[in-house]
Amino acid sequence: LKYFTVVSSRIPHLSFEAGAMAKLERLELDFNALGWNRHGAAPIGIEHLSSLKKISVNILGGGARRSDRRAAYSALRNAIDMHRGCPTANIECRDKGRAGSSST
C-alpha cells in the first residue's frame, strides 16, 4: 500500500504501529474538526511510516469553532514534525465544507 486516504465526517482516531504500512508514501486525511478541543488527537505513530513522502490534511469547519481548527492544525503539525524523513506536508483549514461530501 503506497497511498492511504481517510475521509471522515468526525475526528478520526488513527494509530500507526511500528512496521505497519512500511511502503506507504502518501497519507491523506480529510475530516471535520468539530469538537477537537474535547475529543481530538493527532494520529499516533506517524513517525513509524518510514517511507512517507507526502502528507495532505484537509481540516474542515462544518460547525467547528476556530479554536478547534487551530488546535487540530497544531496537533497535526507537531505529529508530522516528529517524522525523521521530513515528509512534505500540506495542512489546510477550511471554514466551510464537510468531510465525505462533495460539491459540483
C-alpha atoms as a PDB file:
ATOM      1  CA  LEU A   1       0.000   0.000   0.000  1.00  0.00           C
ATOM      2  CA  LYS A   2       1.585   3.265  -1.135  1.00  0.00           C
ATOM      3  CA  TYR A   3      -1.361   5.648  -0.810  1.00  0.00           C
ATOM      4  CA  PHE A   4      -3.819   5.782   2.091  1.00  0.00           C
ATOM      5  CA  THR A   5      -6.756   8.159   2.423  1.00  0.00           C
ATOM      6  CA  VAL A   6      -9.052   8.609   5.409  1.00  0.00           C
ATOM      7  CA  VAL A   7     -12.203  10.684   4.903  1.00  0.00           C
ATOM      8  CA  SER A   8     -14.420  11.119   7.926  1.00  0.00           C
ATOM      9  CA  SER A   9     -17.222  13.422   8.980  1.00  0.00           C
ATOM     10  CA  ARG A  10     -15.879  13.031  12.522  1.00  0.00           C
ATOM     11  CA  ILE A  11     -12.456  13.204  14.095  1.00  0.00           C
ATOM     12  CA  PRO A  12     -10.578  10.030  13.152  1.00  0.00           C
ATOM     13  CA  HIS A  13      -8.564   8.273  15.846  1.00  0.00           C
ATOM     14  CA  LEU A  14      -5.652   6.720  13.992  1.00  0.00           C
ATOM     15  CA  SER A  15      -2.664   4.800  15.248  1.00  0.00           C
ATOM     16  CA  PHE A  16       0.206   3.532  13.110  1.00  0.00           C
ATOM     17  CA  GLU A  17       2.293   0.807  14.737  1.00  0.00           C
ATOM     18  CA  ALA A  18       5.975   0.218  14.059  1.00  0.00           C
ATOM     19  CA  GLY A  19       6.367  -1.796  10.856  1.00  0.00           C
ATOM     20  CA  ALA A  20       2.817  -1.137   9.696  1.00  0.00           C
ATOM     21  CA  MET A  21       2.393   0.247   6.174  1.00  0.00           C
ATOM     22  CA  ALA A  22       6.142   0.125   5.573  1.00  0.00           C
ATOM     23  CA  LYS A  23       5.739   1.144   1.910  1.00  0.00           C
ATOM     24  CA  LEU A  24       3.253   3.967   2.455  1.00  0.00           C
ATOM     25  CA  GLU A  25       4.430   7.067   0.584  1.00  0.00           C
ATOM     26  CA  ARG A  26       1.387   9.302   0.745  1.00  0.00           C
ATOM     27  CA  LEU A  27      -1.148   9.872   3.522  1.00  0.00           C
ATOM     28  CA  GLU A  28      -4.264  11.988   3.091  1.00  0.00           C
ATOM     29  CA  LEU A  29      -6.615  12.923   5.935  1.00  0.00           C
ATOM     30  CA  ASP A  30      -9.908  14.745   5.388  1.00  0.00           C
ATOM     31  CA  PHE A  31     -12.044  15.364   8.470  1.00  0.00           C
ATOM     32  CA  ASN A  32     -14.266  17.774  10.377  1.00  0.00           C
ATOM     33  CA  ALA A  33     -12.612  19.466  13.375  1.00  0.00           C
ATOM     34  CA  LEU A  34     -15.875  19.852  15.302  1.00  0.00           C
ATOM     35  CA  GLY A  35     -15.132  19.017  18.948  1.00  0.00           C
ATOM     36  CA  TRP A  36     -11.360  18.694  18.538  1.00  0.00           C
ATOM     37  CA  ASN A  37     -10.655  20.507  21.827  1.00  0.00           C
ATOM     38  CA  ARG A  38     -12.624  17.840  23.718  1.00  0.00           C
ATOM     39  CA  HIS A  39     -12.141  14.666  21.685  1.00  0.00           C
ATOM     40  CA  GLY A  40      -9.372  15.270  19.162  1.00  0.00           C
ATOM     41  CA  ALA A  41      -5.983  13.694  18.904  1.00  0.00           C
ATOM     42  CA  ALA A  42      -3.416  13.713  16.146  1.00  0.00           C
ATOM     43  CA  PRO A  43      -2.667  10.343  14.587  1.00  0.00           C
ATOM     44  CA  ILE A  44      -0.293   8.360  16.758  1.00  0.00           C
ATOM     45  CA  GLY A  45       2.808   6.826  15.233  1.00  0.00           C
ATOM     46  CA  ILE A  46       3.195   8.872  12.049  1.00  0.00           C
ATOM     47  CA  GLU A  47       6.928   8.581  12.699  1.00  0.00           C
ATOM     48  CA  HIS A  48       6.631   4.804  12.079  1.00  0.00           C
ATOM     49  CA  LEU A  49       5.656   5.356   8.431  1.00  0.00           C
ATOM     50  CA  SER A  50       9.252   5.105   7.256  1.00  0.00           C
ATOM     51  CA  SER A  51       8.625   5.579   3.505  1.00  0.00           C
ATOM     52  CA  LEU A  52       6.247   8.518   3.905  1.00  0.00           C
ATOM     53  CA  LYS A  53       6.988  11.340   1.467  1.00  0.00           C
ATOM     54  CA  LYS A  54       3.823  13.438   1.491  1.00  0.00           C
ATOM     55  CA  ILE A  55       1.008  14.193   3.920  1.00  0.00           C
ATOM     56  CA  SER A  56      -2.097  16.126   2.889  1.00  0.00           C
ATOM     57  CA  VAL A  57      -4.615  17.183   5.518  1.00  0.00           C
ATOM     58  CA  ASN A  58      -7.922  18.980   4.995  1.00  0.00           C
ATOM     59  CA  ILE A  59      -9.384  20.234   8.268  1.00  0.00           C
ATOM     60  CA  LEU A  60     -12.965  21.229   7.580  1.00  0.00           C
ATOM     61  CA  GLY A  61     -15.067  23.659   9.600  1.00  0.00           C
ATOM     62  CA  GLY A  62     -18.632  22.371   9.269  1.00  0.00           C
ATOM     63  CA  GLY A  63     -19.722  23.886  12.601  1.00  0.00           C
ATOM     64  CA  ALA A  64     -16.315  23.630  14.265  1.00  0.00           C
ATOM     65  CA  ARG A  65     -15.033  26.555  16.273  1.00  0.00           C
ATOM     66  CA  ARG A  66     -11.958  28.383  15.124  1.00  0.00           C
ATOM     67  CA  SER A  67     -10.205  27.155  18.278  1.00  0.00           C
ATOM     68  CA  ASP A  68     -10.973  23.539  17.263  1.00  0.00           C
ATOM     69  CA  ARG A  69      -9.440  24.084  13.815  1.00  0.00           C
ATOM     70  CA  ARG A  70      -6.364  25.776  15.291  1.00  0.00           C
ATOM     71  CA  ALA A  71      -5.882  23.003  17.852  1.00  0.00           C
ATOM     72  CA  ALA A  72      -6.217  20.341  15.137  1.00  0.00           C
ATOM     73  CA  TYR A  73      -3.705  22.155  12.928  1.00  0.00           C
ATOM     74  CA  SER A  74      -1.197  22.498  15.760  1.00  0.00           C
ATOM     75  CA  ALA A  75      -1.501  18.864  16.881  1.00  0.00           C
ATOM     76  CA  LEU A  76      -1.098  17.567  13.333  1.00  0.00           C
ATOM     77  CA  ARG A  77       1.852  19.848  12.617  1.00  0.00           C
ATOM     78  CA  ASN A  78       3.585  18.611  15.792  1.00  0.00           C
ATOM     79  CA  ALA A  79       2.945  14.959  14.879  1.00  0.00           C
ATOM     80  CA  ILE A  80       4.296  15.461  11.348  1.00  0.00           C
ATOM     81  CA  ASP A  81       7.357  17.307  12.647  1.00  0.00           C
ATOM     82  CA  MET A  82       8.290  14.189  14.666  1.00  0.00           C
ATOM     83  CA  HIS A  83       8.854  12.224  11.430  1.00  0.00           C
ATOM     84  CA  ARG A  84      12.577  11.758  10.748  1.00  0.00           C
ATOM     85  CA  GLY A  85      12.122  11.683   6.968  1.00  0.00           C
ATOM     86  CA  CYS A  86      10.701  15.226   6.876  1.00  0.00           C
ATOM     87  CA  PRO A  87       7.802  14.445   4.514  1.00  0.00           C
ATOM     88  CA  THR A  88       6.230  17.258   2.545  1.00  0.00           C
ATOM     89  CA  ALA A  89       3.161  18.395   4.462  1.00  0.00           C
ATOM     90  CA  ASN A  90       0.180  20.386   3.294  1.00  0.00           C
ATOM     91  CA  ILE A  91      -2.340  21.185   6.026  1.00  0.00           C
ATOM     92  CA  GLU A  92      -5.352  23.277   5.057  1.00  0.00           C
ATOM     93  CA  CYS A  93      -8.118  24.623   7.257  1.00  0.00           C
ATOM     94  CA  ARG A  94     -11.387  25.414   5.541  1.00  0.00           C
ATOM     95  CA  ASP A  95     -14.237  27.294   7.145  1.00  0.00           C
ATOM     96  CA  LYS A  96     -16.898  25.577   5.086  1.00  0.00           C
ATOM     97  CA  GLY A  97     -17.480  22.077   3.931  1.00  0.00           C
ATOM     98  CA  ARG A  98     -17.857  18.679   5.438  1.00  0.00           C
ATOM     99  CA  ALA A  99     -15.654  15.661   5.142  1.00  0.00           C
ATOM    100  CA  GLY A 100     -17.119  12.986   2.966  1.00  0.00           C
ATOM    101  CA  SER A 101     -19.236  15.392   0.955  1.00  0.00           C
ATOM    102  CA  SER A 102     -18.555  16.745  -2.468  1.00  0.00           C
ATOM    103  CA  SER A 103     -19.737  19.779  -4.323  1.00  0.00           C
ATOM    104  CA  THR A 104     -20.064  20.385  -8.031  1.00  0.00           C
END
